[in-house]
Structures are given as structure tokens and as C-alpha cells.
Amino acid sequence: MAKKRPQTKAKRPQLSDEEIPVVGAREPCPCGSGRRYKACHGRAAAQAVTELVHRPFEGLPGECDWVALRELVPAATVELSLKGGLPEGVPSVTLATVLPMAWPALRRDDGSVLLGLQNDTASGDISRDLADTLQQALTAQPGTPVQGRRAPAGGPRLQDLLDPEGTFEPVVHPGFEFWVPDAENATPEVTASLERANAAAIPTVRLTGVDAAYWCETPEKNHLRWVMPHPEEQLLDALARLHAAGKSSLGEGTRLVGSFRAHGLTVPVWDLPSGVGAEDVEKPAAEFAERLAAALATDAPLTPDERRARGGLTNRQVTLS
């Protein structure tokens, strides 16, 4: 029998880790190692998917408002500034709490980009997933939505794409008319969709006198939910000091009822009587901010009453993310 000639394998081009595309776990790794993807470069990708980034918006202008728009606010938009300015053909980039059909992003007919914030993400790093969606939207064909995908491991995050000196000024809307350029002349189908979405939106107002505090109206009572940037343990101590001293309310009939964690930050929550509107808590919230600053500056050990107050606040704390 003739001997088989030794087969020579053509050398594959060497790819850097950043250039390795994402493929199925059991497929050959695109790097050319001969191993399956899950046993090669897929290990890093799998770790990126499962590893949770507790403060995904840390370092961005308006971190507290990013958290609020992700978890608390039904309808809001923010104009975003990119490092190096906007690409040619993209007149604006706007962050939106949610988009129609739960699209991750949308490139409008005029080339402008809408980026949805309240979407499920494929990995444990919301910032990386949003950055990947944003990059797709910037190059998408005008008039098309952008679908979500698993962001490549090691890809850029929002902190890499957005201007760190840019402002972050949320505009809270009563409804979702910002979805369409001309809501008054929308088709009957679009009008019906907007009506359904608007009916489900909880009336929400952002306070003007303090940062990242949002009033909302519910059928039984109103609430103030205030995203704060302070370290959790320090903030809980300060809230406990004020609560034990009877200085944690925002006026008659209001009550600090607890807090929740969201994306690495703490969000105290107050119950408000139904008749108390956003404008009614502007001054009390500003006064509370002054009391809180003084309590945060205190490092004395908690008294027994303050420890009990802290225990009560901790027991009523819920983690959202």
C-alpha cells in the first residue's frame, strides 16, 4: 500500500485576543488552536458573562441618575456626549429608559441614535453590553432597530465611549411620545401602542433642589426614592442617627420606610401622603440633605437607640441588582 503523504496545515493568521470572534461553545476556537471555543478563548468570555459588575455606572457623569433611570423612572431621556464627538451622519445620541418593542437601540431615519437602558443584558456588566449596543447603533442603517447580543469579552464599556466631562441631565416625560418624531400625526397603530404604554407609566418627577431624587405617584400613596452615592455602611449609620433622633422624615405624614440596593448604590425610600406632590417635598428634601451631610460627617459609635434604628432599616433593605 502506498504510504500516506504527511498533510501540511496552512498557517492561520494570528489573531489578538480582542479580534477573536464569539462562536458556539463546542465549535473550534477561531484562534486556530484546534481546541473547542469553550476550552480556549471561550473561558474568558464565559467569565465575562457570569462575573457581576456591582457598580456598572461608576465613573460616569450622573452615576446616581443612571441607576434611577435603569430601575425607577418609566419615561425619560438624556442627551449623551461621546469622546471625540459624534460620528459623521449621527446628529445626536440619546439615552432612553425604554424603547418600543423593547429594542436595545434604534437608528432613526435622520441618523440619530436612541439607546435603551431598561433591557435585559447578556452579561454581568451592563456598561459593556450597552457600549456594544451603542457601537452597533452608530453604524446601523438609518431607520433600523438594533438587536442585543453577547458583547465580546474585553470590549469597550460606556466609560470608554462617553465623554467624562459631559453633562448628564435627565428629562422625565409624562409619556412615551419621544418614541416618534411626530406623535400627533402618528398612524393609528402607533397611537394605540403609545396609549397602552402611557397608561402603564407611573407619574414621576425628578426633584430640582437635590440630585437623583424622584417623586412618584401611586394609587395608595406617593413615594420619594433618592439614589445616593455614599458608601452603604456610612450612609446607613447616618440614616440611623437621623431616624433615632426623629429627623429622618420629610415633613408631617412622611416616613423613611427603608431602602434598597441597586447597582452598588443605596436608595432610601420615603412614604408620602397622597396629597403631597413633588413641589411639596423640594424644600424638605433640601433640608434633609443638610442634616444628612452633618450625620455623614460624624464618626462617633452608634448609641443603642441608633443601633436599633439601623437594624430596622437594614431589615427592610431589598437588593434589586
Protein backbone atom coordinates (compact mmCIF):
# COMPACT_ATOMS: atom_id res chain seq x y z
CA MET A 1 0.00 0.00 0.00
CA ALA A 2 1.22 3.47 -0.80
CA LYS A 3 2.29 5.47 2.14
CA LYS A 4 0.07 8.41 3.01
CA ARG A 5 1.77 11.66 2.48
CA PRO A 6 2.02 13.79 5.57
CA GLN A 7 -0.58 16.51 5.42
CA THR A 8 0.58 20.04 5.87
CA LYS A 9 -1.68 22.55 7.51
CA ALA A 10 -1.78 26.07 6.25
CA LYS A 11 -0.82 28.55 8.89
CA ARG A 12 -3.71 30.59 10.08
CA PRO A 13 -3.29 34.29 10.61
CA GLN A 14 -2.53 35.10 14.22
CA LEU A 15 -5.35 36.99 15.90
CA SER A 16 -5.12 39.07 19.04
CA ASP A 17 -7.47 38.29 21.92
CA GLU A 18 -9.58 41.32 21.00
CA GLU A 19 -10.04 40.03 17.43
CA ILE A 20 -11.28 36.54 18.40
CA PRO A 21 -14.99 36.45 17.45
CA VAL A 22 -17.58 34.84 19.71
CA VAL A 23 -18.75 31.39 18.44
CA GLY A 24 -20.63 28.42 19.85
CA ALA A 25 -19.10 26.76 22.90
CA ARG A 26 -18.48 23.43 21.07
CA GLU A 27 -17.17 24.95 17.84
CA PRO A 28 -13.44 25.13 17.06
CA CYS A 29 -11.87 28.24 18.54
CA PRO A 30 -11.31 30.84 15.80
CA CYS A 31 -7.76 31.40 17.09
CA GLY A 32 -6.68 28.18 15.33
CA SER A 33 -5.54 26.30 18.43
CA GLY A 34 -7.59 23.22 17.47
CA ARG A 35 -9.43 23.25 20.77
CA ARG A 36 -13.10 23.91 21.25
CA TYR A 37 -14.03 27.51 21.93
CA LYS A 38 -15.25 26.80 25.47
CA ALA A 39 -11.85 25.30 26.36
CA CYS A 40 -9.85 28.10 24.78
CA HIS A 41 -10.79 31.77 24.37
CA GLY A 42 -14.35 30.99 25.43
CA ARG A 43 -13.19 30.71 29.03
CA ALA A 44 -12.64 34.44 29.27
CA ALA A 45 -15.94 35.11 27.51
CA ALA A 46 -17.79 32.81 29.93
CA GLN A 47 -16.22 34.55 32.89
CA ALA A 48 -17.23 37.93 31.49
CA VAL A 49 -20.82 36.69 31.16
CA THR A 50 -21.08 35.38 34.72
CA GLU A 51 -18.97 37.94 36.58
CA LEU A 52 -21.24 40.62 38.02
CA VAL A 53 -20.03 44.22 38.00
CA HIS A 54 -21.66 45.67 41.10
CA ARG A 55 -21.30 49.33 40.07
CA PRO A 56 -21.54 49.27 36.27
CA PHE A 57 -22.06 53.05 36.02
CA GLU A 58 -19.24 54.05 38.35
CA GLY A 59 -17.11 56.82 36.88
CA LEU A 60 -19.81 58.09 34.53
CA PRO A 61 -21.22 61.59 34.96
CA GLY A 62 -24.51 61.25 36.85
CA GLU A 63 -23.98 57.71 38.17
CA CYS A 64 -26.92 58.08 40.57
CA ASP A 65 -29.25 59.18 37.77
CA TRP A 66 -28.08 56.27 35.59
CA VAL A 67 -29.23 53.95 38.38
CA ALA A 68 -32.53 55.79 38.77
CA LEU A 69 -33.30 55.66 35.05
CA ARG A 70 -32.42 51.98 34.94
CA GLU A 71 -34.60 50.98 37.93
CA LEU A 72 -37.09 53.70 38.91
CA VAL A 73 -38.16 56.00 36.10
CA PRO A 74 -40.60 54.83 33.41
CA ALA A 75 -40.10 57.51 30.74
CA ALA A 76 -37.01 59.71 30.49
CA THR A 77 -34.30 60.70 28.02
CA VAL A 78 -30.77 62.11 28.28
CA GLU A 79 -28.58 63.54 25.54
CA LEU A 80 -25.20 61.76 25.59
CA SER A 81 -21.80 63.17 24.61
CA LEU A 82 -19.24 60.85 23.03
CA LYS A 83 -15.48 61.04 23.33
CA GLY A 84 -14.19 62.76 20.22
CA GLY A 85 -17.65 63.98 19.24
CA LEU A 86 -20.40 62.41 17.16
CA PRO A 87 -19.58 60.37 14.03
CA GLU A 88 -20.49 61.80 10.66
CA GLY A 89 -24.15 61.23 9.86
CA VAL A 90 -25.17 60.87 13.54
CA PRO A 91 -26.76 64.16 14.65
CA SER A 92 -27.40 63.01 18.23
CA VAL A 93 -27.21 60.09 20.66
CA THR A 94 -29.98 59.89 23.23
CA LEU A 95 -30.31 57.52 26.17
CA ALA A 96 -33.92 56.43 26.76
CA THR A 97 -35.34 54.44 29.63
CA VAL A 98 -37.15 52.12 27.25
CA LEU A 99 -37.81 51.90 23.52
CA PRO A 100 -40.79 50.48 21.58
CA MET A 101 -40.80 46.69 21.25
CA ALA A 102 -38.10 46.69 23.96
CA TRP A 103 -35.49 47.35 21.27
CA PRO A 104 -31.97 47.70 22.73
CA ALA A 105 -31.32 50.62 20.36
CA LEU A 106 -32.74 52.37 17.31
CA ARG A 107 -31.13 54.28 14.45
CA ARG A 108 -33.75 56.74 13.28
CA ASP A 109 -34.33 57.79 9.68
CA ASP A 110 -32.38 61.01 10.25
CA GLY A 111 -29.38 59.03 11.56
CA SER A 112 -29.86 59.89 15.23
CA VAL A 113 -29.47 57.09 17.77
CA LEU A 114 -31.73 56.09 20.67
CA LEU A 115 -30.14 53.74 23.24
CA GLY A 116 -32.48 51.80 25.54
CA LEU A 117 -31.44 51.39 29.18
CA GLN A 118 -34.09 49.13 30.72
CA ASN A 119 -33.31 45.97 28.76
CA ASP A 120 -32.08 42.55 29.78
CA THR A 121 -28.34 42.24 29.19
CA ALA A 122 -26.34 39.20 28.20
CA SER A 123 -23.51 39.55 30.71
CA GLY A 124 -22.89 40.70 34.24
CA ASP A 125 -21.57 44.06 33.03
CA ILE A 126 -24.40 46.34 31.94
CA SER A 127 -21.92 49.01 30.92
CA ARG A 128 -20.11 46.72 28.47
CA ASP A 129 -23.38 45.44 26.98
CA LEU A 130 -24.73 48.96 26.49
CA ALA A 131 -21.46 50.09 24.93
CA ASP A 132 -21.60 47.20 22.44
CA THR A 133 -25.19 48.07 21.53
CA LEU A 134 -24.26 51.72 21.13
CA GLN A 135 -21.40 50.86 18.79
CA GLN A 136 -23.74 48.75 16.66
CA ALA A 137 -26.30 51.57 16.53
CA LEU A 138 -23.73 54.14 15.41
CA THR A 139 -23.05 52.11 12.26
CA ALA A 140 -26.53 50.68 11.66
CA GLN A 141 -28.56 51.64 8.62
CA PRO A 142 -30.86 54.61 9.32
CA GLY A 143 -34.40 53.55 10.06
CA THR A 144 -33.49 50.21 11.66
CA PRO A 145 -33.58 48.84 15.23
CA VAL A 146 -30.53 47.19 16.78
CA GLN A 147 -30.80 43.77 18.38
CA GLY A 148 -28.89 42.86 21.52
CA ARG A 149 -26.11 40.31 21.55
CA ARG A 150 -23.38 38.96 23.80
CA ALA A 151 -20.69 41.62 23.91
CA PRO A 152 -17.16 40.40 23.16
CA ALA A 153 -15.04 39.86 26.26
CA GLY A 154 -12.70 42.78 26.68
CA GLY A 155 -14.85 45.07 24.56
CA PRO A 156 -15.26 48.75 25.46
CA ARG A 157 -17.54 49.94 28.24
CA LEU A 158 -19.62 53.10 28.40
CA GLN A 159 -16.78 54.67 30.36
CA ASP A 160 -14.59 54.21 27.27
CA LEU A 161 -17.09 55.72 24.82
CA LEU A 162 -18.76 58.60 26.67
CA ASP A 163 -17.19 61.99 27.35
CA PRO A 164 -16.21 62.04 31.05
CA GLU A 165 -16.64 65.83 31.06
CA GLY A 166 -20.10 65.66 29.51
CA THR A 167 -23.23 66.56 31.43
CA PHE A 168 -25.96 64.09 32.34
CA GLU A 169 -29.28 65.89 32.63
CA PRO A 170 -32.32 63.58 32.55
CA VAL A 171 -35.59 64.87 31.15
CA VAL A 172 -38.52 62.99 32.68
CA HIS A 173 -41.52 62.68 30.35
CA PRO A 174 -45.18 62.10 31.24
CA GLY A 175 -45.38 59.51 28.47
CA PHE A 176 -43.53 57.89 25.59
CA GLU A 177 -44.22 60.39 22.81
CA PHE A 178 -40.45 60.75 22.43
CA TRP A 179 -40.54 57.37 20.63
CA VAL A 180 -41.76 59.02 17.44
CA PRO A 181 -40.67 62.34 15.89
CA ASP A 182 -44.26 63.48 15.25
CA ALA A 183 -46.62 61.83 17.72
CA GLU A 184 -49.59 63.99 16.71
CA ASN A 185 -49.51 62.63 13.15
CA ALA A 186 -48.64 59.04 14.02
CA THR A 187 -50.50 56.11 12.47
CA PRO A 188 -53.44 54.61 14.40
CA GLU A 189 -51.33 51.56 15.29
CA VAL A 190 -48.54 53.69 16.74
CA THR A 191 -51.05 55.88 18.56
CA ALA A 192 -52.66 52.82 20.15
CA SER A 193 -49.25 51.50 21.22
CA LEU A 194 -48.37 54.83 22.80
CA GLU A 195 -51.68 54.94 24.65
CA ARG A 196 -51.07 51.48 26.15
CA ALA A 197 -47.54 52.38 27.22
CA ASN A 198 -48.60 55.72 28.69
CA ALA A 199 -51.39 54.09 30.68
CA ALA A 200 -48.88 51.82 32.42
CA ALA A 201 -46.40 54.59 33.28
CA ILE A 202 -46.27 55.72 36.91
CA PRO A 203 -46.27 59.54 37.15
CA THR A 204 -42.72 60.51 38.12
CA VAL A 205 -40.95 63.82 38.73
CA ARG A 206 -37.24 64.49 39.30
CA LEU A 207 -36.63 66.98 42.11
CA THR A 208 -34.65 70.08 41.15
CA GLY A 209 -33.12 71.03 44.50
CA VAL A 210 -31.19 67.79 45.17
CA ASP A 211 -29.51 65.21 42.97
CA ALA A 212 -31.12 61.95 41.80
CA ALA A 213 -34.29 62.17 43.93
CA TYR A 214 -37.50 61.07 42.19
CA TRP A 215 -41.07 61.58 43.37
CA CYS A 216 -43.68 59.14 42.09
CA GLU A 217 -47.43 58.79 42.45
CA THR A 218 -49.18 55.50 43.17
CA PRO A 219 -52.87 54.82 43.85
CA GLU A 220 -52.48 54.39 47.63
CA LYS A 221 -49.64 56.77 48.50
CA ASN A 222 -46.80 58.69 46.95
CA HIS A 223 -43.11 57.99 47.38
CA LEU A 224 -39.73 59.67 47.17
CA ARG A 225 -36.88 57.43 46.04
CA TRP A 226 -33.46 59.01 46.31
CA VAL A 227 -30.34 57.39 44.83
CA MET A 228 -27.32 58.32 46.95
CA PRO A 229 -23.60 57.99 46.14
CA HIS A 230 -22.30 57.48 49.68
CA PRO A 231 -20.73 54.18 50.84
CA GLU A 232 -23.52 51.93 52.07
CA GLU A 233 -22.32 51.34 55.64
CA GLN A 234 -21.59 55.03 56.20
CA LEU A 235 -24.97 56.03 54.76
CA LEU A 236 -26.90 53.52 56.87
CA ASP A 237 -25.16 54.80 60.00
CA ALA A 238 -26.09 58.37 59.11
CA LEU A 239 -29.71 57.46 58.34
CA ALA A 240 -29.90 55.56 61.65
CA ARG A 241 -28.64 58.61 63.57
CA LEU A 242 -31.31 60.79 61.97
CA HIS A 243 -34.03 58.17 62.39
CA ALA A 244 -33.29 57.69 66.10
CA ALA A 245 -33.34 61.46 66.58
CA GLY A 246 -36.70 61.80 64.82
CA LYS A 247 -35.12 63.79 61.97
CA SER A 248 -35.44 61.35 59.09
CA SER A 249 -38.84 62.43 57.76
CA LEU A 250 -39.61 64.94 55.03
CA GLY A 251 -42.42 66.65 56.88
CA GLU A 252 -45.73 65.82 58.51
CA GLY A 253 -47.17 62.47 57.45
CA THR A 254 -43.97 61.36 55.68
CA ARG A 255 -41.82 58.46 56.80
CA LEU A 256 -38.48 56.90 55.90
CA VAL A 257 -39.55 53.29 55.36
CA GLY A 258 -36.30 51.67 54.29
CA SER A 259 -34.00 51.44 51.30
CA PHE A 260 -32.89 49.15 48.52
CA ARG A 261 -29.62 48.46 46.78
CA ALA A 262 -29.30 48.97 43.05
CA HIS A 263 -26.11 48.65 41.01
CA GLY A 264 -23.87 49.21 44.01
CA LEU A 265 -25.70 52.24 45.40
CA THR A 266 -28.23 52.68 48.20
CA VAL A 267 -31.68 54.16 47.55
CA PRO A 268 -33.59 55.39 50.64
CA VAL A 269 -37.38 55.43 50.22
CA TRP A 270 -39.95 57.65 51.91
CA ASP A 271 -43.70 57.15 52.02
CA LEU A 272 -45.63 60.36 51.37
CA PRO A 273 -49.34 61.13 51.80
CA SER A 274 -51.30 61.09 48.56
CA GLY A 275 -51.76 64.84 48.67
CA VAL A 276 -48.01 65.55 48.80
CA GLY A 277 -46.66 66.39 45.37
CA ALA A 278 -43.13 66.74 44.08
CA GLU A 279 -43.09 70.50 44.65
CA ASP A 280 -44.13 69.94 48.28
CA VAL A 281 -41.01 67.93 49.09
CA GLU A 282 -38.46 70.16 47.34
CA LYS A 283 -37.70 72.24 50.43
CA PRO A 284 -37.92 69.36 52.96
CA ALA A 285 -35.56 67.30 50.77
CA ALA A 286 -33.01 70.12 50.63
CA GLU A 287 -33.21 70.49 54.42
CA PHE A 288 -32.81 66.74 54.86
CA ALA A 289 -29.71 66.84 52.65
CA GLU A 290 -28.13 69.29 55.10
CA ARG A 291 -28.98 67.07 58.09
CA LEU A 292 -27.64 64.03 56.27
CA ALA A 293 -24.35 65.78 55.46
CA ALA A 294 -23.86 66.53 59.16
CA ALA A 295 -24.70 62.94 60.11
CA LEU A 296 -22.29 61.58 57.49
CA ALA A 297 -19.51 63.70 58.99
CA THR A 298 -20.00 62.09 62.42
CA ASP A 299 -17.80 59.08 63.22
CA ALA A 300 -18.83 58.53 66.84
CA PRO A 301 -20.03 54.99 67.72
CA LEU A 302 -23.77 54.46 67.35
CA THR A 303 -25.81 54.67 70.52
CA PRO A 304 -28.12 51.76 71.48
CA ASP A 305 -31.12 53.64 70.02
CA GLU A 306 -29.21 54.33 66.81
CA ARG A 307 -28.16 50.68 66.53
CA ARG A 308 -31.80 49.61 66.86
CA ALA A 309 -32.80 52.14 64.22
CA ARG A 310 -30.05 50.85 61.94
CA GLY A 311 -31.21 47.27 62.44
CA GLY A 312 -34.72 48.25 61.44
CA LEU A 313 -33.50 49.99 58.28
CA THR A 314 -31.28 47.03 57.38
CA ASN A 315 -34.10 44.53 57.84
CA ARG A 316 -36.22 46.49 55.39
CA GLN A 317 -33.49 46.69 52.75
CA VAL A 318 -34.02 44.98 49.40
CA THR A 319 -31.44 44.30 46.70
CA LEU A 320 -32.61 44.95 43.13
CA SER A 321 -29.37 44.15 41.35
